[in-house]
Amino acid sequence: MKASVPISALLHHKGAALWSIAPEATVFEAIKLMADKNIGSLLVMSGERLVGVITERDYTRKIALQGKTSKATKVSEILSSKVISVTPVHTVEECMRLMTENRVRHLPVLDKDKVTGLVSIGDLVNWTISAQDAAIAQMEQYIAGGVTA
């Protein structure tokens, strides 16, 4: 499990579950869905087209701190429409770099404008830790004489 593998490998390991919401839905519905699924963001989809992402951070900064109500505000009013995305061939390292540079925690994965997945910073950290654990185990086995060079 190297960090230089394509993000498609991480998605294959993670599974294909994607959660989305329509731009016409209320922010309350979005927050409820995030809470029910224990996730921090939702893809905002108009049919098959990605129009943005809504996150818990969007809620806190654009609803709670602005004195708006989540039941009266539509997702389309607060979504992040400037979406930073990647393709299935981007590597884990490239995704981590993009997240750091753009200060985002979620990256939609698009293959020719079709959403094929979503990766979070947590997904990337877990993948990296697993890769490090595997490398350490392999080195320990080599040192112990269990693997030939």
C-alpha atoms as a PDB file:
ATOM      1  CA  MET A   1       0.000   0.000   0.000  1.00  0.00           C
ATOM      2  CA  LYS A   2       2.223   2.788  -1.225  1.00  0.00           C
ATOM      3  CA  ALA A   3       1.250   6.456  -1.202  1.00  0.00           C
ATOM      4  CA  SER A   4       2.152   6.676  -4.894  1.00  0.00           C
ATOM      5  CA  VAL A   5      -0.647   4.333  -5.960  1.00  0.00           C
ATOM      6  CA  PRO A   6      -3.624   5.747  -7.862  1.00  0.00           C
ATOM      7  CA  ILE A   7      -6.570   6.941  -5.827  1.00  0.00           C
ATOM      8  CA  SER A   8      -8.687   4.326  -7.643  1.00  0.00           C
ATOM      9  CA  ALA A   9      -6.952   1.669  -5.497  1.00  0.00           C
ATOM     10  CA  LEU A  10      -7.984   3.489  -2.322  1.00  0.00           C
ATOM     11  CA  LEU A  11     -11.569   3.780  -3.619  1.00  0.00           C
ATOM     12  CA  HIS A  12     -11.612   0.062  -4.443  1.00  0.00           C
ATOM     13  CA  HIS A  13     -10.459  -0.716  -0.903  1.00  0.00           C
ATOM     14  CA  LYS A  14     -12.814   1.846   0.683  1.00  0.00           C
ATOM     15  CA  GLY A  15     -15.949   0.827  -1.188  1.00  0.00           C
ATOM     16  CA  ALA A  16     -18.299   2.633  -3.515  1.00  0.00           C
ATOM     17  CA  ALA A  17     -20.739   4.294  -1.107  1.00  0.00           C
ATOM     18  CA  LEU A  18     -21.430   7.879  -2.184  1.00  0.00           C
ATOM     19  CA  TRP A  19     -23.805  10.232  -0.443  1.00  0.00           C
ATOM     20  CA  SER A  20     -25.273  13.215  -2.194  1.00  0.00           C
ATOM     21  CA  ILE A  21     -28.031  15.779  -1.936  1.00  0.00           C
ATOM     22  CA  ALA A  22     -29.882  17.984  -4.404  1.00  0.00           C
ATOM     23  CA  PRO A  23     -29.217  21.741  -4.449  1.00  0.00           C
ATOM     24  CA  GLU A  24     -32.936  22.348  -3.737  1.00  0.00           C
ATOM     25  CA  ALA A  25     -32.797  20.448  -0.431  1.00  0.00           C
ATOM     26  CA  THR A  26     -32.593  22.386   2.811  1.00  0.00           C
ATOM     27  CA  VAL A  27     -29.398  22.704   4.762  1.00  0.00           C
ATOM     28  CA  PHE A  28     -31.206  20.958   7.621  1.00  0.00           C
ATOM     29  CA  GLU A  29     -31.768  17.907   5.397  1.00  0.00           C
ATOM     30  CA  ALA A  30     -28.090  17.946   4.430  1.00  0.00           C
ATOM     31  CA  ILE A  31     -26.881  18.164   8.034  1.00  0.00           C
ATOM     32  CA  LYS A  32     -29.292  15.413   9.080  1.00  0.00           C
ATOM     33  CA  LEU A  33     -28.035  13.124   6.298  1.00  0.00           C
ATOM     34  CA  MET A  34     -24.416  13.825   7.281  1.00  0.00           C
ATOM     35  CA  ALA A  35     -25.231  13.027  10.915  1.00  0.00           C
ATOM     36  CA  ASP A  36     -27.131   9.844   9.984  1.00  0.00           C
ATOM     37  CA  LYS A  37     -24.246   8.599   7.815  1.00  0.00           C
ATOM     38  CA  ASN A  38     -21.521   9.908  10.158  1.00  0.00           C
ATOM     39  CA  ILE A  39     -19.829  11.842   7.360  1.00  0.00           C
ATOM     40  CA  GLY A  40     -18.521  15.407   7.079  1.00  0.00           C
ATOM     41  CA  SER A  41     -19.576  16.327   3.559  1.00  0.00           C
ATOM     42  CA  LEU A  42     -22.041  15.616   0.790  1.00  0.00           C
ATOM     43  CA  LEU A  43     -21.752  15.872  -2.943  1.00  0.00           C
ATOM     44  CA  VAL A  44     -24.345  18.290  -4.294  1.00  0.00           C
ATOM     45  CA  MET A  45     -25.728  16.728  -7.447  1.00  0.00           C
ATOM     46  CA  SER A  46     -28.160  17.988 -10.045  1.00  0.00           C
ATOM     47  CA  GLY A  47     -29.071  14.724 -11.692  1.00  0.00           C
ATOM     48  CA  GLU A  48     -25.746  13.138 -12.654  1.00  0.00           C
ATOM     49  CA  ARG A  49     -23.878  16.471 -12.635  1.00  0.00           C
ATOM     50  CA  LEU A  50     -21.724  17.557  -9.696  1.00  0.00           C
ATOM     51  CA  VAL A  51     -22.583  21.172  -8.838  1.00  0.00           C
ATOM     52  CA  GLY A  52     -20.732  21.484  -5.561  1.00  0.00           C
ATOM     53  CA  VAL A  53     -19.949  20.120  -2.135  1.00  0.00           C
ATOM     54  CA  ILE A  54     -21.513  20.969   1.219  1.00  0.00           C
ATOM     55  CA  THR A  55     -19.596  20.381   4.429  1.00  0.00           C
ATOM     56  CA  GLU A  56     -20.107  20.726   8.138  1.00  0.00           C
ATOM     57  CA  ARG A  57     -17.751  23.689   7.907  1.00  0.00           C
ATOM     58  CA  ASP A  58     -20.109  25.353   5.387  1.00  0.00           C
ATOM     59  CA  TYR A  59     -22.931  24.939   7.889  1.00  0.00           C
ATOM     60  CA  THR A  60     -21.036  26.436  10.816  1.00  0.00           C
ATOM     61  CA  ARG A  61     -19.666  29.395   8.879  1.00  0.00           C
ATOM     62  CA  LYS A  62     -22.553  30.181   6.525  1.00  0.00           C
ATOM     63  CA  ILE A  63     -25.587  29.299   8.647  1.00  0.00           C
ATOM     64  CA  ALA A  64     -24.825  29.188  12.377  1.00  0.00           C
ATOM     65  CA  LEU A  65     -22.458  32.170  12.435  1.00  0.00           C
ATOM     66  CA  GLN A  66     -24.582  34.214  10.011  1.00  0.00           C
ATOM     67  CA  GLY A  67     -27.776  33.826  12.050  1.00  0.00           C
ATOM     68  CA  LYS A  68     -29.612  31.957   9.277  1.00  0.00           C
ATOM     69  CA  THR A  69     -31.800  28.934   9.834  1.00  0.00           C
ATOM     70  CA  SER A  70     -30.972  25.566   8.353  1.00  0.00           C
ATOM     71  CA  LYS A  71     -34.625  24.711   7.724  1.00  0.00           C
ATOM     72  CA  ALA A  72     -35.186  27.853   5.631  1.00  0.00           C
ATOM     73  CA  THR A  73     -31.915  27.879   3.677  1.00  0.00           C
ATOM     74  CA  LYS A  74     -31.354  25.814   0.537  1.00  0.00           C
ATOM     75  CA  VAL A  75     -28.138  23.875   0.001  1.00  0.00           C
ATOM     76  CA  SER A  76     -27.584  25.848  -3.225  1.00  0.00           C
ATOM     77  CA  GLU A  77     -27.241  29.039  -1.154  1.00  0.00           C
ATOM     78  CA  ILE A  78     -24.220  27.862   0.823  1.00  0.00           C
ATOM     79  CA  LEU A  79     -22.534  25.083  -1.142  1.00  0.00           C
ATOM     80  CA  SER A  80     -18.917  25.325  -2.192  1.00  0.00           C
ATOM     81  CA  SER A  81     -19.272  25.542  -5.967  1.00  0.00           C
ATOM     82  CA  LYS A  82     -15.548  25.903  -6.694  1.00  0.00           C
ATOM     83  CA  VAL A  83     -14.863  22.201  -6.337  1.00  0.00           C
ATOM     84  CA  ILE A  84     -11.312  20.893  -6.288  1.00  0.00           C
ATOM     85  CA  SER A  85     -11.495  17.399  -7.770  1.00  0.00           C
ATOM     86  CA  VAL A  86      -9.188  14.615  -8.885  1.00  0.00           C
ATOM     87  CA  THR A  87      -9.286  11.753 -11.367  1.00  0.00           C
ATOM     88  CA  PRO A  88      -8.873   8.043 -10.565  1.00  0.00           C
ATOM     89  CA  VAL A  89      -5.220   8.191 -11.705  1.00  0.00           C
ATOM     90  CA  HIS A  90      -4.184  10.887  -9.196  1.00  0.00           C
ATOM     91  CA  THR A  91      -2.025   9.405  -6.445  1.00  0.00           C
ATOM     92  CA  VAL A  92      -2.605   9.479  -2.712  1.00  0.00           C
ATOM     93  CA  GLU A  93       0.372  11.861  -2.432  1.00  0.00           C
ATOM     94  CA  GLU A  94      -1.078  14.213  -5.064  1.00  0.00           C
ATOM     95  CA  CYS A  95      -4.439  14.216  -3.295  1.00  0.00           C
ATOM     96  CA  MET A  96      -2.811  15.043   0.047  1.00  0.00           C
ATOM     97  CA  ARG A  97      -0.895  17.883  -1.597  1.00  0.00           C
ATOM     98  CA  LEU A  98      -4.077  19.272  -3.215  1.00  0.00           C
ATOM     99  CA  MET A  99      -5.961  19.124   0.074  1.00  0.00           C
ATOM    100  CA  THR A 100      -3.167  20.929   1.896  1.00  0.00           C
ATOM    101  CA  GLU A 101      -2.682  23.613  -0.762  1.00  0.00           C
ATOM    102  CA  ASN A 102      -6.412  24.296  -1.143  1.00  0.00           C
ATOM    103  CA  ARG A 103      -7.339  23.812   2.519  1.00  0.00           C
ATOM    104  CA  VAL A 104     -10.072  21.267   1.759  1.00  0.00           C
ATOM    105  CA  ARG A 105     -10.854  18.009   3.509  1.00  0.00           C
ATOM    106  CA  HIS A 106     -12.776  16.225   0.748  1.00  0.00           C
ATOM    107  CA  LEU A 107     -12.013  15.563  -2.914  1.00  0.00           C
ATOM    108  CA  PRO A 108     -14.574  14.272  -5.394  1.00  0.00           C
ATOM    109  CA  VAL A 109     -13.087  11.791  -7.852  1.00  0.00           C
ATOM    110  CA  LEU A 110     -14.300  12.414 -11.411  1.00  0.00           C
ATOM    111  CA  ASP A 111     -13.815  10.256 -14.471  1.00  0.00           C
ATOM    112  CA  LYS A 112     -14.855  12.272 -17.538  1.00  0.00           C
ATOM    113  CA  ASP A 113     -17.250  14.442 -15.472  1.00  0.00           C
ATOM    114  CA  LYS A 114     -18.843  11.386 -13.839  1.00  0.00           C
ATOM    115  CA  VAL A 115     -18.436  11.140 -10.061  1.00  0.00           C
ATOM    116  CA  THR A 116     -16.787   7.836  -9.204  1.00  0.00           C
ATOM    117  CA  GLY A 117     -15.923   8.489  -5.587  1.00  0.00           C
ATOM    118  CA  LEU A 118     -15.099  10.876  -2.781  1.00  0.00           C
ATOM    119  CA  VAL A 119     -11.988  10.781  -0.612  1.00  0.00           C
ATOM    120  CA  SER A 120     -11.525  12.525   2.698  1.00  0.00           C
ATOM    121  CA  ILE A 121      -8.371  13.495   4.507  1.00  0.00           C
ATOM    122  CA  GLY A 122      -9.204  10.665   6.918  1.00  0.00           C
ATOM    123  CA  ASP A 123      -9.231   8.161   4.049  1.00  0.00           C
ATOM    124  CA  LEU A 124      -5.798   9.354   2.932  1.00  0.00           C
ATOM    125  CA  VAL A 125      -4.356   9.278   6.449  1.00  0.00           C
ATOM    126  CA  ASN A 126      -5.699   5.752   7.042  1.00  0.00           C
ATOM    127  CA  TRP A 127      -4.247   4.596   3.706  1.00  0.00           C
ATOM    128  CA  THR A 128      -0.867   6.118   4.549  1.00  0.00           C
ATOM    129  CA  ILE A 129      -0.799   4.526   8.012  1.00  0.00           C
ATOM    130  CA  SER A 130      -1.686   1.141   6.512  1.00  0.00           C
ATOM    131  CA  ALA A 131       1.081   1.532   3.925  1.00  0.00           C
ATOM    132  CA  GLN A 132       3.590   2.388   6.650  1.00  0.00           C
ATOM    133  CA  ASP A 133       2.459  -0.555   8.797  1.00  0.00           C
ATOM    134  CA  ALA A 134       2.855  -2.919   5.829  1.00  0.00           C
ATOM    135  CA  ALA A 135       6.340  -1.571   5.053  1.00  0.00           C
ATOM    136  CA  ILE A 136       7.411  -1.931   8.695  1.00  0.00           C
ATOM    137  CA  ALA A 137       6.081  -5.495   8.866  1.00  0.00           C
ATOM    138  CA  GLN A 138       7.938  -6.383   5.678  1.00  0.00           C
ATOM    139  CA  MET A 139      11.190  -4.881   7.028  1.00  0.00           C
ATOM    140  CA  GLU A 140      10.791  -6.729  10.337  1.00  0.00           C
ATOM    141  CA  GLN A 141      10.218  -9.982   8.472  1.00  0.00           C
ATOM    142  CA  TYR A 142      13.282  -9.322   6.292  1.00  0.00           C
ATOM    143  CA  ILE A 143      15.460  -8.528   9.329  1.00  0.00           C
ATOM    144  CA  ALA A 144      14.229 -11.659  11.071  1.00  0.00           C
ATOM    145  CA  GLY A 145      15.301 -13.679   8.028  1.00  0.00           C
ATOM    146  CA  GLY A 146      11.838 -14.554   6.778  1.00  0.00           C
ATOM    147  CA  VAL A 147      12.212 -12.934   3.349  1.00  0.00           C
ATOM    148  CA  THR A 148      15.013 -13.403   0.861  1.00  0.00           C
ATOM    149  CA  ALA A 149      16.320 -10.405  -1.032  1.00  0.00           C
END
